[in-house]
Amino acid sequence: MTSEPDNYSDRVYRSTGAMVGGALLLALIAWLGGDALVRGSGRSPFIALAVVCMLAPLIVAFSLRPAVFANPAGVRIRNPFRTVVVPWSRVETVRAGYSCELVAEGVTYQLWSIPVSLRARSRANRHNQRLVAGEQPKGAFGIGTANTTDTGPRSAPSDAAVSELKEMAEQNRERAKSEGQVTVTWAYELIAPAALGAVAVLVLWLSA
């Protein structure tokens, strides 16, 4: 198994909303599970422990873990259950439609940490259309004129991130340090406890 490089820290793309939501869910599960362990009787503590073992890794996988790290050598895509390291020389394109994707060697990889907001994209498009038409930016709820110095074009956060990744790919594709192969590793540290927790829940339920 190829070890992951440890120098992918130049640019980091993560979803703040997902991280906050994941932290809150973990706190809720810890509170409910701890209460069941302390106050529960009979099979309740065992069921609570199994449920926590199943859900906690899944919450971490889908909220706290996803991230994209990019530097001159390449991009490291950390999705819920696997990590993909792609040298820039292997990147064919980076695109944002209904989701953000990177295509390398004919394979499409989802960028979980860069969620697409159609609402944010729509707001940016309306702002840019008003600029082209020579109109002033609107105020809150579309009433009046906004008191702002932001008179330049806008991009949705996901589109801006994809543009940056595209630019890095173009700048570094021909560099010697970007040579290499695409590598994929699985997050067994999350898969294993989630699977064991699911099996424990199933066994406890069937034996009830």
C-alpha atoms as a PDB file:
ATOM      1  CA  MET A   1       0.000   0.000   0.000  1.00  0.00           C
ATOM      2  CA  THR A   2       1.417   3.361  -0.999  1.00  0.00           C
ATOM      3  CA  SER A   3       1.683   5.839   1.840  1.00  0.00           C
ATOM      4  CA  GLU A   4       0.108   9.263   1.370  1.00  0.00           C
ATOM      5  CA  PRO A   5       2.427  12.261   0.975  1.00  0.00           C
ATOM      6  CA  ASP A   6       2.469  14.542   3.985  1.00  0.00           C
ATOM      7  CA  ASN A   7       3.036  17.818   2.163  1.00  0.00           C
ATOM      8  CA  TYR A   8      -0.464  18.510   0.815  1.00  0.00           C
ATOM      9  CA  SER A   9      -1.180  21.605   2.862  1.00  0.00           C
ATOM     10  CA  ASP A  10      -0.896  24.586   0.506  1.00  0.00           C
ATOM     11  CA  ARG A  11      -4.624  24.933  -0.154  1.00  0.00           C
ATOM     12  CA  VAL A  12      -7.352  23.185   1.791  1.00  0.00           C
ATOM     13  CA  TYR A  13     -11.012  23.036   0.750  1.00  0.00           C
ATOM     14  CA  ARG A  14     -13.532  21.949   3.393  1.00  0.00           C
ATOM     15  CA  SER A  15     -17.221  22.549   4.070  1.00  0.00           C
ATOM     16  CA  THR A  16     -17.649  24.617   7.219  1.00  0.00           C
ATOM     17  CA  GLY A  17     -21.355  23.810   7.389  1.00  0.00           C
ATOM     18  CA  ALA A  18     -20.713  20.063   7.228  1.00  0.00           C
ATOM     19  CA  MET A  19     -18.063  20.271   9.944  1.00  0.00           C
ATOM     20  CA  VAL A  20     -20.312  22.251  12.289  1.00  0.00           C
ATOM     21  CA  GLY A  21     -23.243  19.931  11.648  1.00  0.00           C
ATOM     22  CA  GLY A  22     -21.081  16.865  12.199  1.00  0.00           C
ATOM     23  CA  ALA A  23     -19.714  18.188  15.482  1.00  0.00           C
ATOM     24  CA  LEU A  24     -23.242  18.896  16.737  1.00  0.00           C
ATOM     25  CA  LEU A  25     -24.436  15.417  15.753  1.00  0.00           C
ATOM     26  CA  LEU A  26     -21.479  13.792  17.506  1.00  0.00           C
ATOM     27  CA  ALA A  27     -22.214  15.805  20.646  1.00  0.00           C
ATOM     28  CA  LEU A  28     -25.875  14.737  20.503  1.00  0.00           C
ATOM     29  CA  ILE A  29     -25.010  11.063  20.037  1.00  0.00           C
ATOM     30  CA  ALA A  30     -22.455  11.209  22.862  1.00  0.00           C
ATOM     31  CA  TRP A  31     -25.063  12.745  25.171  1.00  0.00           C
ATOM     32  CA  LEU A  32     -27.828  10.278  24.303  1.00  0.00           C
ATOM     33  CA  GLY A  33     -25.503   7.286  24.273  1.00  0.00           C
ATOM     34  CA  GLY A  34     -23.871   8.263  27.534  1.00  0.00           C
ATOM     35  CA  ASP A  35     -27.248   8.725  29.179  1.00  0.00           C
ATOM     36  CA  ALA A  36     -28.357   5.268  28.002  1.00  0.00           C
ATOM     37  CA  LEU A  37     -25.141   3.686  29.262  1.00  0.00           C
ATOM     38  CA  VAL A  38     -25.417   5.304  32.691  1.00  0.00           C
ATOM     39  CA  ARG A  39     -29.160   5.091  33.273  1.00  0.00           C
ATOM     40  CA  GLY A  40     -30.200   2.240  31.022  1.00  0.00           C
ATOM     41  CA  SER A  41     -31.017  -1.225  32.244  1.00  0.00           C
ATOM     42  CA  GLY A  42     -31.062  -4.675  30.746  1.00  0.00           C
ATOM     43  CA  ARG A  43     -30.011  -4.653  27.091  1.00  0.00           C
ATOM     44  CA  SER A  44     -30.315  -0.891  26.675  1.00  0.00           C
ATOM     45  CA  PRO A  45     -26.643  -0.038  27.433  1.00  0.00           C
ATOM     46  CA  PHE A  46     -25.419  -2.655  24.944  1.00  0.00           C
ATOM     47  CA  ILE A  47     -27.795  -1.421  22.241  1.00  0.00           C
ATOM     48  CA  ALA A  48     -26.750   2.182  22.883  1.00  0.00           C
ATOM     49  CA  LEU A  49     -23.073   1.260  22.649  1.00  0.00           C
ATOM     50  CA  ALA A  50     -23.627  -0.620  19.390  1.00  0.00           C
ATOM     51  CA  VAL A  51     -25.591   2.271  17.877  1.00  0.00           C
ATOM     52  CA  VAL A  52     -22.892   4.772  18.869  1.00  0.00           C
ATOM     53  CA  CYS A  53     -20.182   2.530  17.373  1.00  0.00           C
ATOM     54  CA  MET A  54     -22.182   2.366  14.134  1.00  0.00           C
ATOM     55  CA  LEU A  55     -23.219   6.015  13.796  1.00  0.00           C
ATOM     56  CA  ALA A  56     -20.163   7.910  15.084  1.00  0.00           C
ATOM     57  CA  PRO A  57     -17.790   6.710  12.306  1.00  0.00           C
ATOM     58  CA  LEU A  58     -20.443   7.449   9.672  1.00  0.00           C
ATOM     59  CA  ILE A  59     -20.920  10.998  10.949  1.00  0.00           C
ATOM     60  CA  VAL A  60     -17.166  11.559  10.976  1.00  0.00           C
ATOM     61  CA  ALA A  61     -16.865  10.093   7.473  1.00  0.00           C
ATOM     62  CA  PHE A  62     -19.546  12.275   5.891  1.00  0.00           C
ATOM     63  CA  SER A  63     -19.011  15.543   7.777  1.00  0.00           C
ATOM     64  CA  LEU A  64     -15.576  15.959   9.380  1.00  0.00           C
ATOM     65  CA  ARG A  65     -13.378  13.841   7.124  1.00  0.00           C
ATOM     66  CA  PRO A  66     -14.038  15.187   3.585  1.00  0.00           C
ATOM     67  CA  ALA A  67     -11.376  17.632   2.385  1.00  0.00           C
ATOM     68  CA  VAL A  68      -9.382  18.489  -0.712  1.00  0.00           C
ATOM     69  CA  PHE A  69      -5.682  19.350  -0.373  1.00  0.00           C
ATOM     70  CA  ALA A  70      -3.805  20.852  -3.312  1.00  0.00           C
ATOM     71  CA  ASN A  71      -0.192  21.902  -3.847  1.00  0.00           C
ATOM     72  CA  PRO A  72       2.194  22.082  -6.839  1.00  0.00           C
ATOM     73  CA  ALA A  73       2.653  18.299  -6.836  1.00  0.00           C
ATOM     74  CA  GLY A  74      -1.002  17.332  -7.102  1.00  0.00           C
ATOM     75  CA  VAL A  75      -4.309  17.054  -5.325  1.00  0.00           C
ATOM     76  CA  ARG A  76      -5.390  14.771  -2.502  1.00  0.00           C
ATOM     77  CA  ILE A  77      -9.135  14.096  -2.362  1.00  0.00           C
ATOM     78  CA  ARG A  78     -10.278  12.830   1.028  1.00  0.00           C
ATOM     79  CA  ASN A  79     -13.828  11.545   0.635  1.00  0.00           C
ATOM     80  CA  PRO A  80     -15.924   9.697   3.259  1.00  0.00           C
ATOM     81  CA  PHE A  81     -14.373   6.259   2.866  1.00  0.00           C
ATOM     82  CA  ARG A  82     -11.367   6.657   0.590  1.00  0.00           C
ATOM     83  CA  THR A  83      -8.504   8.980  -0.203  1.00  0.00           C
ATOM     84  CA  VAL A  84      -7.412   9.592  -3.793  1.00  0.00           C
ATOM     85  CA  VAL A  85      -4.026  11.140  -4.582  1.00  0.00           C
ATOM     86  CA  VAL A  86      -3.797  12.511  -8.134  1.00  0.00           C
ATOM     87  CA  PRO A  87      -0.696  14.138  -9.638  1.00  0.00           C
ATOM     88  CA  TRP A  88      -1.561  17.132 -11.799  1.00  0.00           C
ATOM     89  CA  SER A  89      -0.159  15.348 -14.855  1.00  0.00           C
ATOM     90  CA  ARG A  90      -3.004  12.809 -14.526  1.00  0.00           C
ATOM     91  CA  VAL A  91      -5.827  15.339 -14.146  1.00  0.00           C
ATOM     92  CA  GLU A  92      -8.001  15.685 -17.234  1.00  0.00           C
ATOM     93  CA  THR A  93     -10.478  18.242 -15.931  1.00  0.00           C
ATOM     94  CA  VAL A  94     -12.127  19.670 -12.835  1.00  0.00           C
ATOM     95  CA  ARG A  95     -15.776  20.646 -13.183  1.00  0.00           C
ATOM     96  CA  ALA A  96     -18.745  21.887 -11.196  1.00  0.00           C
ATOM     97  CA  GLY A  97     -22.267  20.972 -12.289  1.00  0.00           C
ATOM     98  CA  TYR A  98     -24.698  19.693  -9.702  1.00  0.00           C
ATOM     99  CA  SER A  99     -21.614  18.414  -7.878  1.00  0.00           C
ATOM    100  CA  CYS A 100     -17.886  19.113  -8.043  1.00  0.00           C
ATOM    101  CA  GLU A 101     -15.852  16.448  -9.813  1.00  0.00           C
ATOM    102  CA  LEU A 102     -12.279  15.731 -10.848  1.00  0.00           C
ATOM    103  CA  VAL A 103     -11.609  13.473 -13.817  1.00  0.00           C
ATOM    104  CA  ALA A 104      -8.306  11.603 -13.974  1.00  0.00           C
ATOM    105  CA  GLU A 105      -7.415   8.835 -16.402  1.00  0.00           C
ATOM    106  CA  GLY A 106     -11.062   8.485 -17.400  1.00  0.00           C
ATOM    107  CA  VAL A 107     -12.286   8.023 -13.824  1.00  0.00           C
ATOM    108  CA  THR A 108     -14.538  10.604 -12.152  1.00  0.00           C
ATOM    109  CA  TYR A 109     -13.967  11.405  -8.473  1.00  0.00           C
ATOM    110  CA  GLN A 110     -16.506  13.386  -6.456  1.00  0.00           C
ATOM    111  CA  LEU A 111     -15.193  16.300  -4.383  1.00  0.00           C
ATOM    112  CA  TRP A 112     -17.344  15.819  -1.278  1.00  0.00           C
ATOM    113  CA  SER A 113     -15.811  18.737   0.594  1.00  0.00           C
ATOM    114  CA  ILE A 114     -16.821  21.269  -2.086  1.00  0.00           C
ATOM    115  CA  PRO A 115     -20.633  21.144  -2.137  1.00  0.00           C
ATOM    116  CA  VAL A 116     -22.481  22.937  -4.913  1.00  0.00           C
ATOM    117  CA  SER A 117     -25.054  25.518  -3.865  1.00  0.00           C
ATOM    118  CA  LEU A 118     -27.418  26.262  -6.738  1.00  0.00           C
ATOM    119  CA  ARG A 119     -28.815  29.163  -4.721  1.00  0.00           C
ATOM    120  CA  ALA A 120     -25.382  30.759  -4.328  1.00  0.00           C
ATOM    121  CA  ARG A 121     -24.681  30.224  -8.019  1.00  0.00           C
ATOM    122  CA  SER A 122     -28.004  31.843  -8.923  1.00  0.00           C
ATOM    123  CA  ARG A 123     -27.261  34.876  -6.732  1.00  0.00           C
ATOM    124  CA  ALA A 124     -23.837  35.269  -8.315  1.00  0.00           C
ATOM    125  CA  ASN A 125     -25.306  35.013 -11.812  1.00  0.00           C
ATOM    126  CA  ARG A 126     -27.957  37.648 -11.062  1.00  0.00           C
ATOM    127  CA  HIS A 127     -25.302  39.962  -9.621  1.00  0.00           C
ATOM    128  CA  ASN A 128     -23.113  39.544 -12.717  1.00  0.00           C
ATOM    129  CA  GLN A 129     -26.054  40.123 -15.048  1.00  0.00           C
ATOM    130  CA  ARG A 130     -26.857  43.404 -13.272  1.00  0.00           C
ATOM    131  CA  LEU A 131     -23.238  44.484 -13.656  1.00  0.00           C
ATOM    132  CA  VAL A 132     -23.352  43.789 -17.384  1.00  0.00           C
ATOM    133  CA  ALA A 133     -26.603  45.761 -17.649  1.00  0.00           C
ATOM    134  CA  GLY A 134     -25.082  48.656 -15.706  1.00  0.00           C
ATOM    135  CA  GLU A 135     -27.469  48.322 -12.759  1.00  0.00           C
ATOM    136  CA  GLN A 136     -26.579  49.006  -9.138  1.00  0.00           C
ATOM    137  CA  PRO A 137     -26.481  46.046  -6.710  1.00  0.00           C
ATOM    138  CA  LYS A 138     -29.803  45.539  -4.943  1.00  0.00           C
ATOM    139  CA  GLY A 139     -30.285  45.862  -1.205  1.00  0.00           C
ATOM    140  CA  ALA A 140     -31.709  43.312   1.177  1.00  0.00           C
ATOM    141  CA  PHE A 141     -34.690  41.353  -0.247  1.00  0.00           C
ATOM    142  CA  GLY A 142     -34.150  43.167  -3.545  1.00  0.00           C
ATOM    143  CA  ILE A 143     -35.290  46.498  -2.103  1.00  0.00           C
ATOM    144  CA  GLY A 144     -33.319  49.673  -2.763  1.00  0.00           C
ATOM    145  CA  THR A 145     -29.633  49.851  -3.546  1.00  0.00           C
ATOM    146  CA  ALA A 146     -26.997  47.976  -1.590  1.00  0.00           C
ATOM    147  CA  ASN A 147     -24.504  50.076   0.321  1.00  0.00           C
ATOM    148  CA  THR A 148     -21.452  48.115  -0.816  1.00  0.00           C
ATOM    149  CA  THR A 149     -18.192  48.523  -2.682  1.00  0.00           C
ATOM    150  CA  ASP A 150     -18.517  45.040  -4.177  1.00  0.00           C
ATOM    151  CA  THR A 151     -18.932  46.053  -7.788  1.00  0.00           C
ATOM    152  CA  GLY A 152     -16.902  43.241  -9.328  1.00  0.00           C
ATOM    153  CA  PRO A 153     -18.103  39.934 -10.729  1.00  0.00           C
ATOM    154  CA  ARG A 154     -18.971  37.163  -8.274  1.00  0.00           C
ATOM    155  CA  SER A 155     -18.661  33.390  -8.277  1.00  0.00           C
ATOM    156  CA  ALA A 156     -20.341  30.808  -6.095  1.00  0.00           C
ATOM    157  CA  PRO A 157     -17.864  29.313  -3.580  1.00  0.00           C
ATOM    158  CA  SER A 158     -17.894  25.935  -5.324  1.00  0.00           C
ATOM    159  CA  ASP A 159     -17.278  27.498  -8.745  1.00  0.00           C
ATOM    160  CA  ALA A 160     -14.456  29.641  -7.332  1.00  0.00           C
ATOM    161  CA  ALA A 161     -12.802  26.577  -5.779  1.00  0.00           C
ATOM    162  CA  VAL A 162     -13.068  24.625  -9.034  1.00  0.00           C
ATOM    163  CA  SER A 163     -11.570  27.562 -10.957  1.00  0.00           C
ATOM    164  CA  GLU A 164      -8.612  27.615  -8.550  1.00  0.00           C
ATOM    165  CA  LEU A 165      -8.065  23.876  -8.958  1.00  0.00           C
ATOM    166  CA  LYS A 166      -8.252  24.195 -12.740  1.00  0.00           C
ATOM    167  CA  GLU A 167      -5.675  26.985 -12.648  1.00  0.00           C
ATOM    168  CA  MET A 168      -3.338  24.900 -10.478  1.00  0.00           C
ATOM    169  CA  ALA A 169      -3.742  21.951 -12.848  1.00  0.00           C
ATOM    170  CA  GLU A 170      -2.791  24.086 -15.852  1.00  0.00           C
ATOM    171  CA  GLN A 171       0.173  25.659 -14.079  1.00  0.00           C
ATOM    172  CA  ASN A 172       1.638  22.436 -12.717  1.00  0.00           C
ATOM    173  CA  ARG A 173       0.680  19.771 -15.264  1.00  0.00           C
ATOM    174  CA  GLU A 174       4.038  19.841 -17.051  1.00  0.00           C
ATOM    175  CA  ARG A 175       6.268  20.066 -13.985  1.00  0.00           C
ATOM    176  CA  ALA A 176       8.479  17.086 -13.205  1.00  0.00           C
ATOM    177  CA  LYS A 177       7.231  16.859  -9.617  1.00  0.00           C
ATOM    178  CA  SER A 178       3.670  16.300 -10.814  1.00  0.00           C
ATOM    179  CA  GLU A 179       4.586  12.975 -12.424  1.00  0.00           C
ATOM    180  CA  GLY A 180       3.278   9.803 -10.817  1.00  0.00           C
ATOM    181  CA  GLN A 181       0.295   7.499 -10.612  1.00  0.00           C
ATOM    182  CA  VAL A 182      -3.192   7.865  -9.171  1.00  0.00           C
ATOM    183  CA  THR A 183      -3.388   6.063  -5.817  1.00  0.00           C
ATOM    184  CA  VAL A 184      -6.481   5.114  -3.821  1.00  0.00           C
ATOM    185  CA  THR A 185      -6.547   4.110  -0.156  1.00  0.00           C
ATOM    186  CA  TRP A 186      -9.567   3.127   1.938  1.00  0.00           C
ATOM    187  CA  ALA A 187     -10.442   4.504   5.382  1.00  0.00           C
ATOM    188  CA  TYR A 188     -10.632   1.164   7.188  1.00  0.00           C
ATOM    189  CA  GLU A 189     -10.350   2.987  10.508  1.00  0.00           C
ATOM    190  CA  LEU A 190     -13.903   4.211   9.852  1.00  0.00           C
ATOM    191  CA  ILE A 191     -15.282   1.327   7.821  1.00  0.00           C
ATOM    192  CA  ALA A 192     -14.370  -1.352  10.375  1.00  0.00           C
ATOM    193  CA  PRO A 193     -16.016   0.146  13.501  1.00  0.00           C
ATOM    194  CA  ALA A 194     -19.109   1.175  11.541  1.00  0.00           C
ATOM    195  CA  ALA A 195     -19.475  -2.376  10.173  1.00  0.00           C
ATOM    196  CA  LEU A 196     -18.906  -3.942  13.588  1.00  0.00           C
ATOM    197  CA  GLY A 197     -21.452  -1.590  15.130  1.00  0.00           C
ATOM    198  CA  ALA A 198     -23.992  -2.443  12.442  1.00  0.00           C
ATOM    199  CA  VAL A 199     -23.441  -6.181  13.009  1.00  0.00           C
ATOM    200  CA  ALA A 200     -23.838  -5.711  16.776  1.00  0.00           C
ATOM    201  CA  VAL A 201     -27.090  -3.781  16.313  1.00  0.00           C
ATOM    202  CA  LEU A 202     -28.415  -6.502  13.995  1.00  0.00           C
ATOM    203  CA  VAL A 203     -27.461  -9.299  16.399  1.00  0.00           C
ATOM    204  CA  LEU A 204     -29.045  -7.528  19.377  1.00  0.00           C
ATOM    205  CA  TRP A 205     -32.200  -6.823  17.397  1.00  0.00           C
ATOM    206  CA  LEU A 206     -32.562 -10.399  16.118  1.00  0.00           C
ATOM    207  CA  SER A 207     -31.940 -11.851  19.574  1.00  0.00           C
ATOM    208  CA  ALA A 208     -34.478  -9.593  21.274  1.00  0.00           C
END
